[in-house]
Structures are given as structure tokens and as C-alpha cells.
Amino acid sequence: MKQITVISGKGGTGKTSFVAAFAGLAENAVLADCDVDAADLHLIFNPTVLETQEFMSGYQVRFDPEKCSACGECVPVCRFRAVTLHDDSLLPLFDPFACEGCGCCVDICPTGALILEDRKSGEMYVSDTRFGPMVHARLDVGESSSGKLVSMVRTRSREIAEQEHRDLILIDGSPGVGCPVIASLNGVDTALIVTEPTVSGLHDLQRVTELCRHFQIPTSVIVNKFDLNAEMASQIESYSDGQDMICLGRIAFDPLFVKSMAASKTVVEFAGQSKTAERLQAIWVKLVSEL
């Protein structure tokens, strides 16, 4: 089984649009949307959810007012002001949104009115799409530990690939160089970086290239919307050559991407005879050959 992760140094480069197009071109693949902080691959695929699993990460405190003796010992130990005392209230006031789940108040409470519990931070889904099985997830608003959720998505993807004898896992990674990106890259066979011809695009490409180099992952590049700044696109290609990265191709700015997404289709499905679709097909052939 081979694994391909498509990443970008920043959001908005077209990464997910390319993953969707490649999903339509791939054969016998499992799709994994590891951009759990802002998952959107499902918007194109309209998946049918088959399994739902809660993602538990960290802890939260539950306050039981019936056990509280109003001693107030919990108030000074809470650094996040989740427990406060007011003159017009006999019992402490507990704010679950301010609580960080450190457990200090639980340790000091003499009556057991504060209970430390596992915290639900999101959900993971296994779905059926027109291109095969997809594992995706949603991190709850304001929650952290997205890297842990990414690892959970990837583990389930591998299980499905083994059970159904799939020979490829196509991963839509997170933008940037943080923890979820590292979790998306761990152990993959190749990484494809989608960049755009801007100064910040080149800078972000350099950062994510260093990350891939650190983990010794073979890497290739696509320059999206290259015709908006042909000179900068050439600089990106020169940088890629200097880093021994293969530039698989250039994609011009094309409104077909927006139109296809509005129709909940990939650009290859929506306009298979267009130059953009033909270039994406050629890039996919090159990418697979690199495996």
C-alpha cells in the first residue's frame, strides 16, 4: 500500500481541489481528509456517513452543586478563573468554557463536588463516496489536539485499505508546518506541495520543504495559478530544482475550479476536456510514476 500526502505552506493554494481531482483519477484508493481544523473535501463528494466515532482528547471538569460545601478552597487554585465566588451567590460559579481541565480544583476539593472527565473534542467519520471510502473528521470549535485526530484518521484509513485490499491512500493534509501537518506526513511514501507564484508562496514552500526534508520524505511540487506571476513561478521552479524536487507541472488560473465546486464535482468531472483537466491528468500520471 502506498500513501500520498498533498500539502501546502498556506491555505488557499488549491490543495483540496487537486486532491478531489486526483481522487477521481485514482483507482482502488482510500481517501483521507486530514485537514481536520477546516475539513472541506466532503463538500465536493457529498459522502454517505457509515460510521461515527467520538474523538476524546484532554479533560474537562464537571461541577456537582449538590456536593459543594461552599468552602471556596477551589477558587484561589484556578489560574483560569473558571471557578469564582460572588457575594450574591452561596456556591462558587463554575464556567466550563474557561476550564482548561488541569484538575487542580479536583485535587483540592474536600467533598468531591468537582469531577475530572474525558473531554469530547470532535468526531471522526467513515463514509462512502463515488470514488470509494473516505475517512474524515471534524474538530469541535475551539478545541486543540488536531494532530492526534489526524493520526486517528490515518490509522482508520490504513485499516480500511488493508481490509478492502486497497493499494493507495490519498491524504489531504493541513496547510502550514504545525502538528497536524507532521501527523499527515508521518510514514508516507511521497508528499506533493501545492504552491502559488507569490513571495509568501515561495517562503511558505521553503518552510514546508524543510519539514519534508527533516522526515526524509520524497517531495514534488505543483505551481498553481502560475500565469498570475510567471516570473515568480520560474523562481519557484528554480528553487525546486535546487532542492532536487520534481516540479510536476503548472496549472493556470481557471474559473472552472469555482464552477465545479459549486456543482459539487471535481474539475475533471465537470470539464474533462478542458486544458486544466488534461494537465491534472498528466500530473497525476507523473505523481503515480514517482511512487
Protein backbone atom coordinates (compact mmCIF):
# COMPACT_ATOMS: atom_id res chain seq x y z
CA MET A 1 0.00 0.00 0.00
CA LYS A 2 1.30 3.46 -0.97
CA GLN A 3 0.46 6.76 0.72
CA ILE A 4 0.47 10.21 -0.89
CA THR A 5 0.00 13.40 1.15
CA VAL A 6 -0.90 16.64 -0.59
CA ILE A 7 0.09 19.68 1.48
CA SER A 8 0.69 23.41 1.13
CA GLY A 9 2.64 26.02 3.01
CA LYS A 10 -0.51 28.11 3.48
CA GLY A 11 -4.25 27.82 2.99
CA GLY A 12 -6.00 28.75 -0.24
CA THR A 13 -3.44 27.42 -2.72
CA GLY A 14 -5.87 24.91 -4.28
CA LYS A 15 -4.67 21.83 -2.40
CA THR A 16 -8.10 20.34 -1.74
CA SER A 17 -9.26 20.99 -5.30
CA PHE A 18 -6.31 18.98 -6.58
CA VAL A 19 -6.90 16.16 -4.09
CA ALA A 20 -10.51 15.94 -5.25
CA ALA A 21 -9.39 15.77 -8.88
CA PHE A 22 -6.81 13.09 -8.09
CA ALA A 23 -9.44 11.08 -6.19
CA GLY A 24 -11.43 10.84 -9.40
CA LEU A 25 -8.34 9.69 -11.30
CA ALA A 26 -7.08 7.22 -8.70
CA GLU A 27 -8.05 3.58 -8.78
CA ASN A 28 -8.68 1.42 -5.72
CA ALA A 29 -7.83 4.20 -3.24
CA VAL A 30 -8.89 5.23 0.26
CA LEU A 31 -9.36 8.98 0.75
CA ALA A 32 -8.31 10.64 4.00
CA ASP A 33 -9.17 14.26 4.77
CA CYS A 34 -6.60 15.17 7.42
CA ASP A 35 -7.30 18.90 7.38
CA VAL A 36 -9.42 18.36 10.50
CA ASP A 37 -9.37 22.00 11.61
CA ALA A 38 -11.20 23.05 8.45
CA ALA A 39 -12.25 19.89 6.60
CA ASP A 40 -13.96 20.60 3.27
CA LEU A 41 -13.28 17.64 0.96
CA HIS A 42 -16.71 16.26 1.85
CA LEU A 43 -18.36 19.33 0.31
CA ILE A 44 -17.35 18.09 -3.14
CA PHE A 45 -18.00 14.39 -2.55
CA ASN A 46 -21.35 14.51 -0.69
CA PRO A 47 -20.42 11.36 1.25
CA THR A 48 -22.78 8.91 2.93
CA VAL A 49 -21.62 8.53 6.53
CA LEU A 50 -21.36 4.87 7.56
CA GLU A 51 -19.55 5.18 10.90
CA THR A 52 -19.20 7.93 13.50
CA GLN A 53 -16.71 7.85 16.34
CA GLU A 54 -16.23 10.44 19.07
CA PHE A 55 -12.77 11.94 19.45
CA MET A 56 -11.81 12.28 23.10
CA SER A 57 -8.83 14.45 23.94
CA GLY A 58 -7.85 16.06 27.22
CA TYR A 59 -10.09 16.54 30.23
CA GLN A 60 -12.85 18.78 31.49
CA VAL A 61 -14.24 19.40 34.96
CA ARG A 62 -17.88 18.84 35.87
CA PHE A 63 -19.32 20.72 38.85
CA ASP A 64 -21.86 18.97 41.10
CA PRO A 65 -23.50 21.72 43.21
CA GLU A 66 -25.27 19.18 45.46
CA LYS A 67 -21.92 18.03 46.85
CA CYS A 68 -20.45 21.52 47.20
CA SER A 69 -19.95 22.81 50.77
CA ALA A 70 -19.12 26.35 49.58
CA CYS A 71 -15.72 26.22 51.30
CA GLY A 72 -14.16 28.23 48.47
CA GLU A 73 -10.86 26.34 48.52
CA CYS A 74 -11.06 25.75 44.76
CA VAL A 75 -11.21 29.44 43.84
CA PRO A 76 -7.59 30.52 44.52
CA VAL A 77 -6.06 27.45 42.83
CA CYS A 78 -7.79 28.01 39.48
CA ARG A 79 -5.42 30.00 37.27
CA PHE A 80 -8.05 30.33 34.54
CA ARG A 81 -10.78 31.88 36.72
CA ALA A 82 -13.16 29.06 35.80
CA VAL A 83 -14.30 28.96 39.46
CA THR A 84 -15.29 32.24 41.08
CA LEU A 85 -17.14 33.44 44.16
CA HIS A 86 -19.66 36.27 44.19
CA ASP A 87 -21.26 37.99 47.17
CA ASP A 88 -24.78 37.30 45.90
CA SER A 89 -24.14 33.56 45.46
CA LEU A 90 -23.69 30.97 48.19
CA LEU A 91 -21.97 28.48 45.91
CA PRO A 92 -18.99 29.08 43.60
CA LEU A 93 -19.84 29.80 39.98
CA PHE A 94 -18.23 27.38 37.52
CA ASP A 95 -17.57 28.40 33.89
CA PRO A 96 -16.94 25.25 31.79
CA PHE A 97 -15.75 27.36 28.82
CA ALA A 98 -12.93 28.85 30.88
CA CYS A 99 -11.88 25.49 32.30
CA GLU A 100 -8.67 24.02 30.86
CA GLY A 101 -9.06 20.64 32.55
CA CYS A 102 -5.87 20.86 34.62
CA GLY A 103 -7.53 19.17 37.60
CA CYS A 104 -6.12 21.38 40.38
CA CYS A 105 -9.59 22.16 41.72
CA VAL A 106 -10.46 18.46 41.68
CA ASP A 107 -7.43 17.60 43.80
CA ILE A 108 -8.19 20.23 46.43
CA CYS A 109 -11.99 19.83 46.68
CA PRO A 110 -12.77 18.13 50.04
CA THR A 111 -16.28 16.98 49.09
CA GLY A 112 -15.79 15.67 45.53
CA ALA A 113 -18.02 18.33 44.01
CA LEU A 114 -15.59 18.77 41.11
CA ILE A 115 -15.12 15.72 38.87
CA LEU A 116 -12.48 15.32 36.15
CA GLU A 117 -13.87 13.70 32.98
CA ASP A 118 -12.66 12.90 29.47
CA ARG A 119 -13.33 15.73 27.03
CA LYS A 120 -15.08 15.25 23.69
CA SER A 121 -13.15 17.33 21.16
CA GLY A 122 -14.58 16.22 17.83
CA GLU A 123 -15.81 13.36 15.69
CA MET A 124 -14.35 11.04 13.07
CA TYR A 125 -16.36 9.62 10.18
CA VAL A 126 -16.03 6.73 7.76
CA SER A 127 -18.04 7.47 4.64
CA ASP A 128 -18.80 6.09 1.21
CA THR A 129 -18.21 8.32 -1.82
CA ARG A 130 -18.48 7.86 -5.56
CA PHE A 131 -14.70 7.43 -5.57
CA GLY A 132 -14.51 4.90 -2.75
CA PRO A 133 -14.22 5.00 1.05
CA MET A 134 -13.25 8.24 2.78
CA VAL A 135 -12.18 8.84 6.36
CA HIS A 136 -12.65 12.41 7.58
CA ALA A 137 -13.14 14.26 10.84
CA ARG A 138 -14.35 17.46 12.43
CA LEU A 139 -12.61 19.13 15.33
CA ASP A 140 -15.03 20.96 17.61
CA VAL A 141 -14.85 24.75 17.76
CA GLY A 142 -12.03 25.97 19.98
CA GLU A 143 -10.56 22.51 20.54
CA SER A 144 -6.91 21.56 20.18
CA SER A 145 -5.06 18.24 19.66
CA SER A 146 -5.74 18.28 15.90
CA GLY A 147 -2.54 16.28 15.35
CA LYS A 148 -3.92 13.47 17.48
CA LEU A 149 -7.16 13.48 15.46
CA VAL A 150 -5.17 13.38 12.21
CA SER A 151 -3.34 10.29 13.47
CA MET A 152 -6.71 8.73 14.30
CA VAL A 153 -7.94 9.40 10.73
CA ARG A 154 -4.81 7.91 9.21
CA THR A 155 -4.95 4.80 11.39
CA ARG A 156 -8.54 4.12 10.35
CA SER A 157 -7.63 4.74 6.69
CA ARG A 158 -4.90 2.11 6.84
CA GLU A 159 -7.27 -0.36 8.46
CA ILE A 160 -9.80 0.09 5.65
CA ALA A 161 -7.10 -0.15 2.98
CA GLU A 162 -5.90 -3.44 4.45
CA GLN A 163 -9.40 -4.86 4.89
CA GLU A 164 -10.52 -3.96 1.36
CA HIS A 165 -7.14 -4.60 -0.31
CA ARG A 166 -6.79 -1.01 -1.47
CA ASP A 167 -3.36 -0.13 -2.83
CA LEU A 168 -3.35 3.64 -2.27
CA ILE A 169 -4.22 6.13 0.47
CA LEU A 170 -4.66 9.68 -0.82
CA ILE A 171 -4.31 12.20 2.01
CA ASP A 172 -5.48 15.80 2.02
CA GLY A 173 -3.12 17.35 4.58
CA SER A 174 -3.35 20.57 6.56
CA PRO A 175 -1.65 23.79 5.43
CA GLY A 176 1.39 25.13 7.26
CA VAL A 177 4.09 23.27 9.17
CA GLY A 178 2.41 22.55 12.52
CA CYS A 179 1.46 19.42 14.41
CA PRO A 180 -1.40 18.30 12.09
CA VAL A 181 0.91 18.61 9.07
CA ILE A 182 3.57 16.49 10.77
CA ALA A 183 0.91 13.89 11.59
CA SER A 184 -0.22 13.96 7.93
CA LEU A 185 3.33 13.35 6.67
CA ASN A 186 4.47 10.67 9.08
CA GLY A 187 5.40 7.50 7.19
CA VAL A 188 4.05 8.47 3.76
CA ASP A 189 5.76 7.45 0.52
CA THR A 190 5.70 10.87 -1.10
CA ALA A 191 4.49 14.42 -0.47
CA LEU A 192 3.11 16.80 -3.06
CA ILE A 193 3.36 20.50 -2.22
CA VAL A 194 0.89 22.88 -3.88
CA THR A 195 2.17 26.43 -4.03
CA GLU A 196 1.33 29.70 -5.76
CA PRO A 197 3.54 32.30 -7.51
CA THR A 198 3.88 34.91 -4.78
CA VAL A 199 6.65 35.99 -2.43
CA SER A 200 4.79 34.47 0.51
CA GLY A 201 4.12 31.36 -1.57
CA LEU A 202 7.85 30.84 -2.11
CA HIS A 203 8.57 31.50 1.57
CA ASP A 204 5.94 29.00 2.71
CA LEU A 205 7.20 26.47 0.17
CA GLN A 206 10.67 26.74 1.67
CA ARG A 207 9.35 26.12 5.18
CA VAL A 208 7.31 23.05 4.28
CA THR A 209 10.17 21.72 2.13
CA GLU A 210 12.45 21.86 5.16
CA LEU A 211 9.85 19.89 7.09
CA CYS A 212 9.70 17.18 4.42
CA ARG A 213 13.50 17.08 4.27
CA HIS A 214 13.64 16.59 8.04
CA PHE A 215 11.47 13.47 7.74
CA GLN A 216 13.30 12.34 4.57
CA ILE A 217 10.12 12.24 2.50
CA PRO A 218 10.40 12.39 -1.31
CA THR A 219 8.74 15.61 -2.40
CA SER A 220 7.37 17.14 -5.59
CA VAL A 221 5.74 20.49 -6.40
CA ILE A 222 2.83 21.94 -8.37
CA VAL A 223 2.68 25.67 -9.13
CA ASN A 224 -0.98 26.70 -9.16
CA LYS A 225 -2.20 29.89 -10.86
CA PHE A 226 1.27 30.29 -12.36
CA ASP A 227 0.08 32.77 -15.00
CA LEU A 228 -0.68 35.41 -12.35
CA ASN A 229 3.06 35.92 -11.88
CA ALA A 230 5.16 33.97 -14.41
CA GLU A 231 8.45 35.40 -13.10
CA MET A 232 7.76 34.21 -9.54
CA ALA A 233 6.61 30.84 -10.89
CA SER A 234 10.01 30.47 -12.55
CA GLN A 235 11.73 31.34 -9.26
CA ILE A 236 9.74 28.62 -7.51
CA GLU A 237 10.72 26.09 -10.16
CA SER A 238 14.38 27.12 -9.83
CA TYR A 239 14.19 26.67 -6.06
CA SER A 240 12.59 23.23 -6.54
CA ASP A 241 15.36 22.17 -8.90
CA GLY A 242 17.95 23.31 -6.36
CA GLN A 243 16.29 21.15 -3.71
CA ASP A 244 16.15 18.10 -6.03
CA MET A 245 12.36 18.29 -6.04
CA ILE A 246 10.46 17.45 -9.21
CA CYS A 247 8.09 20.17 -10.40
CA LEU A 248 5.26 18.07 -11.78
CA GLY A 249 3.64 20.92 -13.65
CA ARG A 250 1.98 24.30 -13.79
CA ILE A 251 -1.74 24.97 -13.55
CA ALA A 252 -3.15 28.25 -14.88
CA PHE A 253 -5.77 30.30 -13.09
CA ASP A 254 -9.10 28.83 -14.17
CA PRO A 255 -12.64 29.79 -13.06
CA LEU A 256 -13.64 26.19 -13.80
CA PHE A 257 -12.46 25.27 -10.31
CA VAL A 258 -15.08 27.52 -8.74
CA LYS A 259 -17.81 26.36 -11.11
CA SER A 260 -17.03 22.69 -10.50
CA MET A 261 -17.06 23.15 -6.72
CA ALA A 262 -20.42 24.93 -6.93
CA ALA A 263 -21.70 21.85 -8.75
CA SER A 264 -20.16 19.51 -6.10
CA LYS A 265 -17.89 17.97 -8.73
CA THR A 266 -14.18 17.74 -9.34
CA VAL A 267 -12.79 19.83 -12.18
CA VAL A 268 -12.03 16.62 -14.11
CA GLU A 269 -15.67 15.51 -13.81
CA PHE A 270 -17.04 18.95 -14.59
CA ALA A 271 -14.82 19.79 -17.56
CA GLY A 272 -12.90 16.68 -18.56
CA GLN A 273 -11.98 18.06 -21.98
CA SER A 274 -10.53 21.33 -20.67
CA LYS A 275 -6.81 22.12 -20.68
CA THR A 276 -6.83 22.28 -16.88
CA ALA A 277 -8.33 18.79 -16.58
CA GLU A 278 -5.86 17.42 -19.11
CA ARG A 279 -2.93 18.95 -17.21
CA LEU A 280 -4.16 17.50 -13.94
CA GLN A 281 -4.42 14.07 -15.54
CA ALA A 282 -0.84 14.39 -16.81
CA ILE A 283 0.35 15.49 -13.36
CA TRP A 284 -1.39 12.52 -11.74
CA VAL A 285 0.37 10.12 -14.12
CA LYS A 286 3.73 11.69 -13.19
CA LEU A 287 2.93 11.57 -9.48
CA VAL A 288 1.97 7.90 -9.55
CA SER A 289 5.10 7.06 -11.54
CA GLU A 290 7.18 8.68 -8.76
CA LEU A 291 5.86 6.03 -6.35
